[in-house]
Amino acid sequence: MVGDGLNDTAALAAAHVAISPASALDAARVASDIVLLGNDLAPVAEALEVSRRARLRIKENFAISAGYNVIAVPFAIMGYATPLLAALAMSISSITVTLNALRLR
């Protein structure tokens, strides 16, 4: 929801993501998650694109984590994973997920 007036405040408060310009009424700015500092709405489109890319990275990270667990858990159950190997594999998994998330920039 994007709004700037007193009549928008209830909708901004109920929205999943609320955006208002810096020139909006105080109530609208307080109810907003994002306050635009400029005079144009171009950052709204950029925020939508960033959110789409972030959602893609989240799904990729879930897939990486699920793949790790599908491979690692059976090895651990069968007794093939030593504590050192398990710690190393978990560290590599965490680093991979973190590096994948950093690709968002």
Protein backbone atom coordinates (compact mmCIF):
# COMPACT_ATOMS: atom_id res chain seq x y z
CA MET A 1 0.00 0.00 0.00
CA VAL A 2 1.26 3.45 -0.89
CA GLY A 3 -0.46 6.40 0.71
CA ASP A 4 0.13 9.90 2.05
CA GLY A 5 -3.02 11.14 3.77
CA LEU A 6 -5.06 10.65 6.90
CA ASN A 7 -7.60 8.58 4.98
CA ASP A 8 -4.79 6.15 4.02
CA THR A 9 -3.54 5.56 7.56
CA ALA A 10 -5.81 2.60 8.36
CA ALA A 11 -4.95 0.88 5.08
CA LEU A 12 -1.23 1.54 5.63
CA ALA A 13 -1.43 0.02 9.11
CA ALA A 14 -3.24 -3.08 7.80
CA ALA A 15 -1.00 -3.60 4.75
CA HIS A 16 1.77 -6.20 4.58
CA VAL A 17 4.11 -3.47 3.35
CA ALA A 18 3.24 0.21 3.66
CA ILE A 19 5.04 3.05 1.88
CA SER A 20 4.53 6.78 2.25
CA PRO A 21 6.45 9.87 1.12
CA ALA A 22 8.29 12.04 3.61
CA SER A 23 5.79 14.81 2.89
CA ALA A 24 2.89 12.64 4.16
CA LEU A 25 1.01 13.34 7.36
CA ASP A 26 2.68 12.17 10.56
CA ALA A 27 0.09 9.42 11.09
CA ALA A 28 0.70 8.01 7.62
CA ARG A 29 4.49 8.06 8.08
CA VAL A 30 4.22 6.32 11.45
CA ALA A 31 1.98 3.59 9.97
CA SER A 32 4.41 3.03 7.07
CA ASP A 33 7.20 0.49 6.86
CA ILE A 34 9.09 2.56 4.27
CA VAL A 35 9.23 6.36 4.03
CA LEU A 36 10.36 7.76 0.67
CA LEU A 37 12.67 10.73 1.06
CA GLY A 38 12.47 11.98 -2.54
CA ASN A 39 9.62 13.41 -4.58
CA ASP A 40 9.14 10.51 -6.99
CA LEU A 41 7.74 6.98 -6.77
CA ALA A 42 10.64 5.25 -8.56
CA PRO A 43 11.89 3.64 -5.32
CA VAL A 44 8.59 1.73 -5.08
CA ALA A 45 9.41 -0.19 -8.27
CA GLU A 46 12.95 -0.78 -7.02
CA ALA A 47 11.64 -2.10 -3.69
CA LEU A 48 9.36 -4.52 -5.55
CA GLU A 49 12.27 -5.78 -7.65
CA VAL A 50 14.50 -6.22 -4.59
CA SER A 51 11.73 -8.13 -2.82
CA ARG A 52 11.32 -10.47 -5.80
CA ARG A 53 15.05 -11.17 -5.90
CA ALA A 54 15.13 -11.67 -2.12
CA ARG A 55 12.28 -14.18 -2.34
CA LEU A 56 14.23 -16.08 -5.03
CA ARG A 57 17.34 -16.18 -2.82
CA ILE A 58 15.27 -17.41 0.12
CA LYS A 59 13.87 -20.26 -1.98
CA GLU A 60 17.37 -21.11 -3.22
CA ASN A 61 18.69 -21.17 0.36
CA PHE A 62 15.87 -23.49 1.44
CA ALA A 63 16.76 -25.79 -1.45
CA ILE A 64 20.46 -25.73 -0.49
CA SER A 65 19.59 -26.51 3.13
CA ALA A 66 17.19 -29.29 2.18
CA GLY A 67 19.78 -30.80 -0.17
CA TYR A 68 22.39 -30.70 2.57
CA ASN A 69 20.05 -32.48 4.99
CA VAL A 70 19.02 -35.09 2.41
CA ILE A 71 22.68 -35.97 1.92
CA ALA A 72 24.10 -35.44 5.42
CA VAL A 73 21.44 -36.99 7.66
CA PRO A 74 21.63 -40.50 6.14
CA PHE A 75 25.44 -40.43 6.45
CA ALA A 76 25.12 -39.44 10.11
CA ILE A 77 22.49 -42.12 10.79
CA MET A 78 24.66 -44.80 9.16
CA GLY A 79 27.57 -43.69 11.35
CA TYR A 80 29.83 -42.45 8.54
CA ALA A 81 29.99 -38.86 9.76
CA THR A 82 32.59 -38.14 12.39
CA PRO A 83 32.04 -35.09 14.57
CA LEU A 84 34.80 -33.25 12.70
CA LEU A 85 33.30 -34.10 9.31
CA ALA A 86 29.81 -33.11 10.49
CA ALA A 87 31.07 -29.77 11.81
CA LEU A 88 32.97 -29.11 8.59
CA ALA A 89 29.95 -30.00 6.42
CA MET A 90 27.65 -27.81 8.51
CA SER A 91 30.08 -24.90 8.29
CA ILE A 92 30.33 -25.27 4.51
CA SER A 93 26.52 -25.37 4.27
CA SER A 94 26.19 -22.21 6.36
CA ILE A 95 28.85 -20.40 4.35
CA THR A 96 27.18 -21.43 1.09
CA VAL A 97 23.78 -20.14 2.21
CA THR A 98 25.33 -16.88 3.44
CA LEU A 99 27.25 -16.30 0.22
CA ASN A 100 24.12 -17.03 -1.80
CA ALA A 101 22.20 -14.43 0.23
CA LEU A 102 24.97 -11.88 -0.34
CA ARG A 103 24.47 -12.21 -4.10
CA LEU A 104 21.37 -10.05 -3.64
CA ARG A 105 23.48 -6.94 -3.63
